C-alpha atoms as a PDB file:
ATOM      1  CA  MET A   1     -15.999   4.183   4.167  1.00  0.00           C
ATOM      2  CA  SER A   2     -17.210   6.686   6.780  1.00  0.00           C
ATOM      3  CA  ARG A   3     -20.529   6.998   8.550  1.00  0.00           C
ATOM      4  CA  VAL A   4     -23.156   9.567   7.621  1.00  0.00           C
ATOM      5  CA  ALA A   5     -26.375  10.525   9.364  1.00  0.00           C
ATOM      6  CA  ILE A   6     -29.736  10.922   7.671  1.00  0.00           C
ATOM      7  CA  VAL A   7     -32.004  13.153   9.762  1.00  0.00           C
ATOM      8  CA  GLY A   8     -35.561  12.856   8.527  1.00  0.00           C
ATOM      9  CA  ALA A   9     -36.691   9.624   6.872  1.00  0.00           C
ATOM     10  CA  GLY A  10     -39.259  10.954   4.428  1.00  0.00           C
ATOM     11  CA  PHE A  11     -38.926  10.507   0.688  1.00  0.00           C
ATOM     12  CA  ILE A  12     -35.782  12.613   0.310  1.00  0.00           C
ATOM     13  CA  GLY A  13     -34.169  11.096   3.393  1.00  0.00           C
ATOM     14  CA  ARG A  14     -34.864   7.605   2.068  1.00  0.00           C
ATOM     15  CA  ALA A  15     -33.409   8.534  -1.297  1.00  0.00           C
ATOM     16  CA  TRP A  16     -30.250   9.945   0.302  1.00  0.00           C
ATOM     17  CA  SER A  17     -29.928   6.716   2.293  1.00  0.00           C
ATOM     18  CA  ILE A  18     -29.784   4.785  -0.981  1.00  0.00           C
ATOM     19  CA  VAL A  19     -27.157   7.179  -2.371  1.00  0.00           C
ATOM     20  CA  PHE A  20     -24.808   6.792   0.575  1.00  0.00           C
ATOM     21  CA  ALA A  21     -25.393   3.103   1.321  1.00  0.00           C
ATOM     22  CA  ARG A  22     -24.821   1.970  -2.264  1.00  0.00           C
ATOM     23  CA  ALA A  23     -21.546   3.944  -2.242  1.00  0.00           C
ATOM     24  CA  GLY A  24     -20.355   1.969   0.772  1.00  0.00           C
ATOM     25  CA  PHE A  25     -21.127   4.373   3.614  1.00  0.00           C
ATOM     26  CA  ASP A  26     -22.693   3.242   6.859  1.00  0.00           C
ATOM     27  CA  VAL A  27     -25.930   5.217   7.176  1.00  0.00           C
ATOM     28  CA  GLN A  28     -27.478   6.083  10.539  1.00  0.00           C
ATOM     29  CA  ILE A  29     -31.120   7.077  10.115  1.00  0.00           C
ATOM     30  CA  TRP A  30     -33.282   9.002  12.565  1.00  0.00           C
ATOM     31  CA  ASP A  31     -36.723  10.557  12.365  1.00  0.00           C
ATOM     32  CA  PRO A  32     -38.905  11.916  15.198  1.00  0.00           C
ATOM     33  CA  PHE A  33     -41.534   9.455  13.979  1.00  0.00           C
ATOM     34  CA  PRO A  34     -40.148   5.885  14.375  1.00  0.00           C
ATOM     35  CA  GLU A  35     -42.593   4.513  11.818  1.00  0.00           C
ATOM     36  CA  ALA A  36     -40.943   6.714   9.185  1.00  0.00           C
ATOM     37  CA  VAL A  37     -37.602   5.007   9.810  1.00  0.00           C
ATOM     38  CA  ALA A  38     -39.192   1.570   9.469  1.00  0.00           C
ATOM     39  CA  GLY A  39     -40.991   2.693   6.322  1.00  0.00           C
ATOM     40  CA  SER A  40     -37.744   3.964   4.842  1.00  0.00           C
ATOM     41  CA  ARG A  41     -36.174   0.529   5.078  1.00  0.00           C
ATOM     42  CA  ASP A  42     -39.160  -1.048   3.312  1.00  0.00           C
ATOM     43  CA  PHE A  43     -38.962   1.602   0.583  1.00  0.00           C
ATOM     44  CA  ILE A  44     -35.232   1.063   0.092  1.00  0.00           C
ATOM     45  CA  ALA A  45     -35.599  -2.710   0.075  1.00  0.00           C
ATOM     46  CA  ALA A  46     -38.127  -2.375  -2.760  1.00  0.00           C
ATOM     47  CA  ARG A  47     -35.905  -0.017  -4.806  1.00  0.00           C
ATOM     48  CA  LEU A  48     -32.606  -1.900  -4.595  1.00  0.00           C
ATOM     49  CA  PRO A  49     -33.609  -4.888  -6.803  1.00  0.00           C
ATOM     50  CA  GLU A  50     -34.800  -2.414  -9.459  1.00  0.00           C
ATOM     51  CA  LEU A  51     -31.458  -0.605  -9.317  1.00  0.00           C
ATOM     52  CA  ARG A  52     -29.592  -3.925  -9.481  1.00  0.00           C
ATOM     53  CA  GLU A  53     -31.617  -4.974 -12.531  1.00  0.00           C
ATOM     54  CA  ALA A  54     -30.795  -1.651 -14.229  1.00  0.00           C
ATOM     55  CA  GLY A  55     -27.092  -2.130 -13.528  1.00  0.00           C
ATOM     56  CA  LEU A  56     -26.928   0.883 -11.200  1.00  0.00           C
ATOM     57  CA  ILE A  57     -25.620  -0.993  -8.161  1.00  0.00           C
ATOM     58  CA  SER A  58     -22.938  -3.656  -8.090  1.00  0.00           C
ATOM     59  CA  ALA A  59     -23.401  -4.953  -4.541  1.00  0.00           C
ATOM     60  CA  ALA A  60     -26.196  -7.330  -3.601  1.00  0.00           C
ATOM     61  CA  PRO A  61     -29.291  -5.559  -2.202  1.00  0.00           C
ATOM     62  CA  GLU A  62     -28.946  -7.329   1.140  1.00  0.00           C
ATOM     63  CA  GLU A  63     -25.354  -6.090   1.435  1.00  0.00           C
ATOM     64  CA  ILE A  64     -26.498  -2.503   0.940  1.00  0.00           C
ATOM     65  CA  LEU A  65     -29.406  -2.941   3.352  1.00  0.00           C
ATOM     66  CA  ALA A  66     -26.930  -4.096   5.985  1.00  0.00           C
ATOM     67  CA  ARG A  67     -25.316  -0.639   5.866  1.00  0.00           C
ATOM     68  CA  LEU A  68     -28.524   1.001   7.100  1.00  0.00           C
ATOM     69  CA  HIS A  69     -28.751   1.533  10.859  1.00  0.00           C
ATOM     70  CA  PRO A  70     -32.014   2.853  12.339  1.00  0.00           C
ATOM     71  CA  CYS A  71     -31.476   5.032  15.397  1.00  0.00           C
ATOM     72  CA  ALA A  72     -33.889   5.677  18.251  1.00  0.00           C
ATOM     73  CA  THR A  73     -32.485   9.121  19.077  1.00  0.00           C
ATOM     74  CA  LEU A  74     -30.876  12.018  17.281  1.00  0.00           C
ATOM     75  CA  GLU A  75     -27.858  11.649  19.558  1.00  0.00           C
ATOM     76  CA  ALA A  76     -27.369   8.059  18.408  1.00  0.00           C
ATOM     77  CA  ALA A  77     -27.732   9.028  14.747  1.00  0.00           C
ATOM     78  CA  LEU A  78     -25.032  11.683  14.988  1.00  0.00           C
ATOM     79  CA  GLU A  79     -22.532   9.524  16.859  1.00  0.00           C
ATOM     80  CA  GLY A  80     -19.327   8.846  14.929  1.00  0.00           C
ATOM     81  CA  VAL A  81     -20.453  10.444  11.644  1.00  0.00           C
ATOM     82  CA  VAL A  82     -18.542  12.812   9.364  1.00  0.00           C
ATOM     83  CA  HIS A  83     -21.592  14.294   7.617  1.00  0.00           C
ATOM     84  CA  VAL A  84     -25.232  14.951   8.476  1.00  0.00           C
ATOM     85  CA  GLN A  85     -27.879  15.276   5.760  1.00  0.00           C
ATOM     86  CA  GLU A  86     -30.995  16.948   7.170  1.00  0.00           C
ATOM     87  CA  ASN A  87     -34.363  16.334   5.464  1.00  0.00           C
ATOM     88  CA  GLY A  88     -36.881  17.942   7.793  1.00  0.00           C
ATOM     89  CA  PRO A  89     -39.965  20.048   7.032  1.00  0.00           C
ATOM     90  CA  GLU A  90     -39.595  22.971   4.621  1.00  0.00           C
ATOM     91  CA  ARG A  91     -40.110  25.589   7.319  1.00  0.00           C
ATOM     92  CA  VAL A  92     -37.531  28.016   8.667  1.00  0.00           C
ATOM     93  CA  ASP A  93     -38.618  27.544  12.283  1.00  0.00           C
ATOM     94  CA  ALA A  94     -38.401  23.750  12.060  1.00  0.00           C
ATOM     95  CA  LYS A  95     -34.964  23.839  10.445  1.00  0.00           C
ATOM     96  CA  ARG A  96     -33.661  26.407  12.925  1.00  0.00           C
ATOM     97  CA  ALA A  97     -34.753  24.257  15.863  1.00  0.00           C
ATOM     98  CA  LEU A  98     -33.312  21.087  14.347  1.00  0.00           C
ATOM     99  CA  PHE A  99     -29.982  22.690  13.442  1.00  0.00           C
ATOM    100  CA  GLU A 100     -29.697  24.111  16.962  1.00  0.00           C
ATOM    101  CA  ARG A 101     -30.038  20.583  18.318  1.00  0.00           C
ATOM    102  CA  MET A 102     -27.599  19.096  15.827  1.00  0.00           C
ATOM    103  CA  ASP A 103     -25.045  21.853  16.397  1.00  0.00           C
ATOM    104  CA  ALA A 104     -25.160  21.153  20.120  1.00  0.00           C
ATOM    105  CA  ILE A 105     -24.792  17.371  19.672  1.00  0.00           C
ATOM    106  CA  ALA A 106     -22.402  16.819  16.753  1.00  0.00           C
ATOM    107  CA  PRO A 107     -18.623  17.205  17.213  1.00  0.00           C
ATOM    108  CA  LYS A 108     -17.363  20.468  15.699  1.00  0.00           C
ATOM    109  CA  GLN A 109     -15.706  18.792  12.682  1.00  0.00           C
ATOM    110  CA  VAL A 110     -18.996  17.230  11.474  1.00  0.00           C
ATOM    111  CA  VAL A 111     -20.615  18.977   8.475  1.00  0.00           C
ATOM    112  CA  LEU A 112     -24.316  19.831   8.841  1.00  0.00           C
ATOM    113  CA  ALA A 113     -26.052  19.948   5.449  1.00  0.00           C
ATOM    114  CA  SER A 114     -29.693  20.603   4.598  1.00  0.00           C
ATOM    115  CA  SER A 115     -31.617  19.170   1.659  1.00  0.00           C
ATOM    116  CA  THR A 116     -33.929  22.191   1.543  1.00  0.00           C
ATOM    117  CA  SER A 117     -35.299  23.025  -1.890  1.00  0.00           C
ATOM    118  CA  GLY A 118     -35.264  26.785  -1.457  1.00  0.00           C
ATOM    119  CA  ILE A 119     -34.537  28.061   2.052  1.00  0.00           C
ATOM    120  CA  PRO A 120     -31.074  29.660   2.257  1.00  0.00           C
ATOM    121  CA  ALA A 121     -28.793  28.313   4.971  1.00  0.00           C
ATOM    122  CA  SER A 122     -28.415  31.804   6.409  1.00  0.00           C
ATOM    123  CA  ALA A 123     -32.105  31.783   7.370  1.00  0.00           C
ATOM    124  CA  PHE A 124     -31.693  28.996   9.925  1.00  0.00           C
ATOM    125  CA  THR A 125     -27.998  28.913  10.905  1.00  0.00           C
ATOM    126  CA  GLU A 126     -27.069  32.527  11.719  1.00  0.00           C
ATOM    127  CA  GLY A 127     -27.308  32.154  15.487  1.00  0.00           C
ATOM    128  CA  LEU A 128     -25.408  28.878  15.751  1.00  0.00           C
ATOM    129  CA  ARG A 129     -22.031  28.576  17.429  1.00  0.00           C
ATOM    130  CA  GLY A 130     -20.942  26.212  14.655  1.00  0.00           C
ATOM    131  CA  ARG A 131     -22.569  28.098  11.784  1.00  0.00           C
ATOM    132  CA  GLN A 132     -19.370  27.900   9.713  1.00  0.00           C
ATOM    133  CA  ARG A 133     -19.928  24.134   9.227  1.00  0.00           C
ATOM    134  CA  CYS A 134     -23.489  24.501   7.868  1.00  0.00           C
ATOM    135  CA  LEU A 135     -24.609  24.654   4.228  1.00  0.00           C
ATOM    136  CA  VAL A 136     -27.319  23.515   1.837  1.00  0.00           C
ATOM    137  CA  ALA A 137     -26.787  20.336  -0.193  1.00  0.00           C
ATOM    138  CA  HIS A 138     -29.884  20.407  -2.393  1.00  0.00           C
ATOM    139  CA  PRO A 139     -30.557  17.224  -4.379  1.00  0.00           C
ATOM    140  CA  VAL A 140     -32.844  16.640  -7.338  1.00  0.00           C
ATOM    141  CA  ASN A 141     -35.733  14.251  -6.804  1.00  0.00           C
ATOM    142  CA  PRO A 142     -34.875  11.383  -6.605  1.00  0.00           C
ATOM    143  CA  PRO A 143     -31.130  11.793  -5.941  1.00  0.00           C
ATOM    144  CA  TYR A 144     -30.329   8.104  -6.424  1.00  0.00           C
ATOM    145  CA  LEU A 145     -31.408   8.527 -10.066  1.00  0.00           C
ATOM    146  CA  VAL A 146     -30.540  12.198 -10.735  1.00  0.00           C
ATOM    147  CA  PRO A 147     -27.029  12.709  -9.391  1.00  0.00           C
ATOM    148  CA  VAL A 148     -26.529  16.489  -9.375  1.00  0.00           C
ATOM    149  CA  VAL A 149     -26.448  18.134  -5.932  1.00  0.00           C
ATOM    150  CA  GLU A 150     -26.254  21.896  -5.392  1.00  0.00           C
ATOM    151  CA  LEU A 151     -23.881  23.002  -2.640  1.00  0.00           C
ATOM    152  CA  CYS A 152     -24.956  26.430  -1.420  1.00  0.00           C
ATOM    153  CA  PRO A 153     -23.037  27.897   1.530  1.00  0.00           C
ATOM    154  CA  ALA A 154     -24.209  30.670   3.825  1.00  0.00           C
ATOM    155  CA  PRO A 155     -22.026  33.804   3.909  1.00  0.00           C
ATOM    156  CA  TRP A 156     -20.248  32.361   6.959  1.00  0.00           C
ATOM    157  CA  THR A 157     -19.790  28.779   5.741  1.00  0.00           C
ATOM    158  CA  SER A 158     -16.077  27.986   5.612  1.00  0.00           C
ATOM    159  CA  ASP A 159     -14.400  27.216   2.292  1.00  0.00           C
ATOM    160  CA  GLU A 160     -13.024  24.039   3.878  1.00  0.00           C
ATOM    161  CA  VAL A 161     -16.542  22.788   4.647  1.00  0.00           C
ATOM    162  CA  VAL A 162     -17.625  23.392   1.041  1.00  0.00           C
ATOM    163  CA  ALA A 163     -14.558  21.547  -0.258  1.00  0.00           C
ATOM    164  CA  THR A 164     -15.037  18.673   2.199  1.00  0.00           C
ATOM    165  CA  THR A 165     -18.706  18.303   1.260  1.00  0.00           C
ATOM    166  CA  ARG A 166     -17.910  18.420  -2.436  1.00  0.00           C
ATOM    167  CA  ALA A 167     -15.346  15.628  -2.022  1.00  0.00           C
ATOM    168  CA  LEU A 168     -17.779  13.537   0.013  1.00  0.00           C
ATOM    169  CA  MET A 169     -20.515  13.935  -2.606  1.00  0.00           C
ATOM    170  CA  VAL A 170     -18.147  12.806  -5.344  1.00  0.00           C
ATOM    171  CA  GLN A 171     -17.236   9.806  -3.169  1.00  0.00           C
ATOM    172  CA  ALA A 172     -20.963   9.064  -2.897  1.00  0.00           C
ATOM    173  CA  GLY A 173     -21.349   9.062  -6.687  1.00  0.00           C
ATOM    174  CA  MET A 174     -23.027  12.443  -6.909  1.00  0.00           C
ATOM    175  CA  VAL A 175     -22.195  15.361  -9.213  1.00  0.00           C
ATOM    176  CA  PRO A 176     -21.776  18.486  -7.060  1.00  0.00           C
ATOM    177  CA  ALA A 177     -22.364  22.013  -8.371  1.00  0.00           C
ATOM    178  CA  THR A 178     -21.224  24.828  -6.087  1.00  0.00           C
ATOM    179  CA  VAL A 179     -23.498  27.879  -5.853  1.00  0.00           C
ATOM    180  CA  LYS A 180     -21.127  30.742  -5.036  1.00  0.00           C
ATOM    181  CA  ARG A 181     -23.634  32.875  -3.148  1.00  0.00           C
ATOM    182  CA  GLU A 182     -27.133  32.531  -1.798  1.00  0.00           C
ATOM    183  CA  VAL A 183     -29.874  33.195  -4.322  1.00  0.00           C
ATOM    184  CA  ALA A 184     -33.593  32.389  -4.246  1.00  0.00           C
ATOM    185  CA  GLY A 185     -34.239  28.908  -5.625  1.00  0.00           C
ATOM    186  CA  PHE A 186     -30.520  28.120  -5.949  1.00  0.00           C
ATOM    187  CA  VAL A 187     -29.606  27.279  -9.566  1.00  0.00           C
ATOM    188  CA  LEU A 188     -31.585  24.262 -10.758  1.00  0.00           C
ATOM    189  CA  ASN A 189     -34.925  25.638  -9.607  1.00  0.00           C
ATOM    190  CA  ARG A 190     -34.198  29.018 -11.209  1.00  0.00           C
ATOM    191  CA  LEU A 191     -33.447  27.346 -14.529  1.00  0.00           C
ATOM    192  CA  GLN A 192     -36.593  25.241 -14.212  1.00  0.00           C
ATOM    193  CA  VAL A 193     -38.710  28.274 -13.284  1.00  0.00           C
ATOM    194  CA  ALA A 194     -37.452  30.142 -16.352  1.00  0.00           C
ATOM    195  CA  LEU A 195     -38.542  27.330 -18.670  1.00  0.00           C
ATOM    196  CA  VAL A 196     -41.834  26.542 -16.916  1.00  0.00           C
ATOM    197  CA  ALA A 197     -42.793  30.235 -16.666  1.00  0.00           C
ATOM    198  CA  GLU A 198     -42.288  30.654 -20.408  1.00  0.00           C
ATOM    199  CA  ALA A 199     -44.270  27.448 -21.024  1.00  0.00           C
ATOM    200  CA  PHE A 200     -47.202  28.889 -19.066  1.00  0.00           C
ATOM    201  CA  ARG A 201     -46.858  32.189 -20.958  1.00  0.00           C
ATOM    202  CA  LEU A 202     -46.988  30.479 -24.364  1.00  0.00           C
ATOM    203  CA  VAL A 203     -50.152  28.633 -23.323  1.00  0.00           C
ATOM    204  CA  ALA A 204     -51.709  31.809 -21.873  1.00  0.00           C
ATOM    205  CA  ASP A 205     -50.988  33.701 -25.101  1.00  0.00           C
ATOM    206  CA  GLY A 206     -52.592  30.975 -27.208  1.00  0.00           C
ATOM    207  CA  VAL A 207     -49.332  30.165 -28.985  1.00  0.00           C
ATOM    208  CA  VAL A 208     -49.254  26.432 -28.333  1.00  0.00           C
ATOM    209  CA  SER A 209     -51.035  23.711 -26.376  1.00  0.00           C
ATOM    210  CA  PRO A 210     -49.684  22.187 -23.139  1.00  0.00           C
ATOM    211  CA  GLU A 211     -49.330  18.866 -24.964  1.00  0.00           C
ATOM    212  CA  ASP A 212     -47.158  20.395 -27.684  1.00  0.00           C
ATOM    213  CA  ILE A 213     -45.027  22.257 -25.127  1.00  0.00           C
ATOM    214  CA  ASP A 214     -44.227  18.915 -23.504  1.00  0.00           C
ATOM    215  CA  ALA A 215     -43.525  17.354 -26.908  1.00  0.00           C
ATOM    216  CA  THR A 216     -41.139  20.188 -27.806  1.00  0.00           C
ATOM    217  CA  VAL A 217     -39.068  19.668 -24.667  1.00  0.00           C
ATOM    218  CA  LYS A 218     -39.310  15.864 -24.576  1.00  0.00           C
ATOM    219  CA  HIS A 219     -38.400  15.336 -28.220  1.00  0.00           C
ATOM    220  CA  GLY A 220     -36.330  18.485 -28.735  1.00  0.00           C
ATOM    221  CA  LEU A 221     -34.486  20.377 -26.008  1.00  0.00           C
ATOM    222  CA  GLY A 222     -34.571  17.435 -23.614  1.00  0.00           C
ATOM    223  CA  LEU A 223     -32.639  15.159 -25.949  1.00  0.00           C
ATOM    224  CA  ARG A 224     -29.673  17.515 -26.035  1.00  0.00           C
ATOM    225  CA  TRP A 225     -29.984  18.556 -22.400  1.00  0.00           C
ATOM    226  CA  SER A 226     -29.778  14.960 -21.204  1.00  0.00           C
ATOM    227  CA  PHE A 227     -26.045  15.001 -21.971  1.00  0.00           C
ATOM    228  CA  MET A 228     -25.135  18.680 -22.536  1.00  0.00           C
ATOM    229  CA  GLY A 229     -25.740  21.883 -20.627  1.00  0.00           C
ATOM    230  CA  PRO A 230     -27.071  25.115 -22.184  1.00  0.00           C
ATOM    231  CA  PHE A 231     -23.650  26.694 -22.723  1.00  0.00           C
ATOM    232  CA  GLU A 232     -22.188  23.608 -24.381  1.00  0.00           C
ATOM    233  CA  THR A 233     -25.351  23.384 -26.494  1.00  0.00           C
ATOM    234  CA  ILE A 234     -25.004  26.883 -27.924  1.00  0.00           C
ATOM    235  CA  ASP A 235     -21.229  26.472 -28.234  1.00  0.00           C
ATOM    236  CA  LEU A 236     -21.833  23.547 -30.613  1.00  0.00           C
ATOM    237  CA  ASN A 237     -24.713  25.260 -32.444  1.00  0.00           C
ATOM    238  CA  ALA A 238     -22.518  27.766 -34.276  1.00  0.00           C
ATOM    239  CA  PRO A 239     -19.333  27.145 -36.287  1.00  0.00           C
ATOM    240  CA  GLY A 240     -17.391  29.682 -34.214  1.00  0.00           C
ATOM    241  CA  GLY A 241     -18.673  28.630 -30.810  1.00  0.00           C
ATOM    242  CA  VAL A 242     -20.354  30.769 -28.147  1.00  0.00           C
ATOM    243  CA  ALA A 243     -19.164  34.138 -29.492  1.00  0.00           C
ATOM    244  CA  ASP A 244     -20.372  33.265 -32.994  1.00  0.00           C
ATOM    245  CA  TYR A 245     -23.717  32.018 -31.640  1.00  0.00           C
ATOM    246  CA  CYS A 246     -24.310  35.243 -29.724  1.00  0.00           C
ATOM    247  CA  ALA A 247     -23.374  37.335 -32.754  1.00  0.00           C
ATOM    248  CA  ARG A 248     -25.889  35.406 -34.855  1.00  0.00           C
ATOM    249  CA  TYR A 249     -28.785  35.183 -32.384  1.00  0.00           C
ATOM    250  CA  GLY A 250     -28.203  37.969 -29.864  1.00  0.00           C
ATOM    251  CA  GLY A 251     -30.881  40.125 -31.488  1.00  0.00           C
ATOM    252  CA  LEU A 252     -33.424  37.317 -31.173  1.00  0.00           C
ATOM    253  CA  TYR A 253     -32.539  36.924 -27.505  1.00  0.00           C
ATOM    254  CA  ASP A 254     -33.115  40.651 -26.942  1.00  0.00           C
ATOM    255  CA  THR A 255     -36.509  40.503 -28.667  1.00  0.00           C
ATOM    256  CA  VAL A 256     -37.715  37.416 -26.798  1.00  0.00           C
ATOM    257  CA  GLN A 257     -36.482  38.572 -23.397  1.00  0.00           C
ATOM    258  CA  ALA A 258     -38.256  41.906 -23.830  1.00  0.00           C
ATOM    259  CA  GLU A 259     -41.514  39.938 -24.014  1.00  0.00           C
ATOM    260  CA  MET A 260     -40.714  37.917 -20.872  1.00  0.00           C
ATOM    261  CA  THR A 261     -42.435  40.124 -18.336  1.00  0.00           C
ATOM    262  CA  PRO A 262     -43.618  38.390 -15.125  1.00  0.00           C
ATOM    263  CA  LEU A 263     -46.750  36.327 -15.640  1.00  0.00           C
ATOM    264  CA  ALA A 264     -49.158  35.508 -12.811  1.00  0.00           C
ATOM    265  CA  LEU A 265     -50.253  31.881 -12.488  1.00  0.00           C
ATOM    266  CA  THR A 266     -53.934  32.753 -12.406  1.00  0.00           C
ATOM    267  CA  PRO A 267     -56.510  30.121 -11.386  1.00  0.00           C
ATOM    268  CA  GLU A 268     -57.790  30.116 -14.953  1.00  0.00           C
ATOM    269  CA  LEU A 269     -54.358  29.478 -16.463  1.00  0.00           C
ATOM    270  CA  VAL A 270     -53.519  26.780 -13.945  1.00  0.00           C
ATOM    271  CA  ALA A 271     -56.892  25.133 -14.583  1.00  0.00           C
ATOM    272  CA  GLU A 272     -56.258  25.120 -18.346  1.00  0.00           C
ATOM    273  CA  VAL A 273     -52.909  23.369 -18.012  1.00  0.00           C
ATOM    274  CA  ASP A 274     -54.183  21.039 -15.276  1.00  0.00           C
ATOM    275  CA  SER A 275     -57.139  20.052 -17.450  1.00  0.00           C
ATOM    276  CA  ALA A 276     -54.782  19.178 -20.296  1.00  0.00           C
ATOM    277  CA  ARG A 277     -52.660  17.051 -17.982  1.00  0.00           C
ATOM    278  CA  ARG A 278     -55.654  15.265 -16.447  1.00  0.00           C
ATOM    279  CA  SER A 279     -56.929  14.453 -19.932  1.00  0.00           C
ATOM    280  CA  ALA A 280     -53.556  12.907 -20.730  1.00  0.00           C
ATOM    281  CA  LEU A 281     -53.061  11.365 -17.278  1.00  0.00           C
ATOM    282  CA  PRO A 282     -56.059  10.761 -14.991  1.00  0.00           C
ATOM    283  CA  MET A 283     -55.138  11.049 -11.321  1.00  0.00           C
ATOM    284  CA  GLN A 284     -55.858   7.353 -10.752  1.00  0.00           C
ATOM    285  CA  ASP A 285     -52.914   6.641 -13.088  1.00  0.00           C
ATOM    286  CA  HIS A 286     -50.580   9.219 -11.520  1.00  0.00           C
ATOM    287  CA  ALA A 287     -48.706   6.811  -9.223  1.00  0.00           C
ATOM    288  CA  ALA A 288     -48.168   4.321 -12.038  1.00  0.00           C
ATOM    289  CA  ARG A 289     -46.772   7.063 -14.273  1.00  0.00           C
ATOM    290  CA  LEU A 290     -44.459   8.135 -11.460  1.00  0.00           C
ATOM    291  CA  ALA A 291     -43.108   4.577 -11.294  1.00  0.00           C
ATOM    292  CA  TRP A 292     -42.732   4.661 -15.092  1.00  0.00           C
ATOM    293  CA  ARG A 293     -40.740   7.900 -14.786  1.00  0.00           C
ATOM    294  CA  ASP A 294     -38.326   6.298 -12.356  1.00  0.00           C
ATOM    295  CA  LYS A 295     -37.868   3.287 -14.647  1.00  0.00           C
ATOM    296  CA  ARG A 296     -37.079   5.619 -17.560  1.00  0.00           C
ATOM    297  CA  LEU A 297     -34.619   7.571 -15.395  1.00  0.00           C
ATOM    298  CA  MET A 298     -32.925   4.311 -14.391  1.00  0.00           C
ATOM    299  CA  ALA A 299     -32.531   3.323 -18.029  1.00  0.00           C
ATOM    300  CA  LEU A 300     -31.234   6.753 -19.009  1.00  0.00           C
ATOM    301  CA  LEU A 301     -28.785   6.880 -16.110  1.00  0.00           C
ATOM    302  CA  ALA A 302     -27.521   3.392 -16.936  1.00  0.00           C
ATOM    303  CA  HIS A 303     -27.030   4.443 -20.559  1.00  0.00           C
ATOM    304  CA  LYS A 304     -25.152   7.607 -19.576  1.00  0.00           C
ATOM    305  CA  LYS A 305     -22.873   5.674 -17.223  1.00  0.00           C
ATOM    306  CA  ALA A 306     -21.934   3.359 -20.089  1.00  0.00           C
ATOM    307  CA  GLN A 307     -20.952   6.241 -22.391  1.00  0.00           C
ATOM    308  CA  ALA A 308     -17.625   8.031 -22.538  1.00  0.00           C
ATOM    309  CA  GLU A 309     -17.668  11.765 -21.799  1.00  0.00           C
END
């Protein structure tokens, strides 16, 4: 296996380290704050037994930990790697400065990828000499449990770099989805925004409670969406497939979409939904519920891996 560099050892950087190390890569980790690198190893060491218990890793935790290599400098982290996964602050100025440094240090064949959740690569790579080797590789939190990764090139990113990154992500056990052009929020966030915005609208209009919105997705849409996408879902929901579905329900789509005008997240609306969530989950229980979520994701991922497509 090849070496990869993790630049930024916060939560996403730590999660990426698990992804690559469990797949057999040597992982060189650097952060401007040395304590973050040390903390990442402790975090990973705590997660690996859980993943082993869920059947999501085959190697012994200590074997995977041995593939992690803390680095004192950015230069050391980028030495001998084929791919860099950047996980710095979500600010254009910070990413531009970091990518300028990495572009100057890394050999020209090394791919420079950012984990940014919404900043297009063009915003921080335009002035780089090696801008053609830069792109966004946006994971879902946490990527060691949710395997999709969005590959979003800048207008000047080479097709070869996109193909190389896609192949590397598959090698790492991820499921890459290529975004053909830059768009705000990429794809996953846009889909999520569409659903969440309509959820807020239904609450604001007094149609349904926040609790029942969550129940509808958790026990309805979410069951299908855990193993099918929206197009496959509608394809199977009509005897004649997608064309038949649209013929049957196209009018309903037109009616509903006409009502989907932009809705402001007013303080009052946010407070209403937040109050419902705090009644269901007091903040003192938030961390425990987060751990519960990860356990459920582990179980679901293990189940999906055991099923035939």
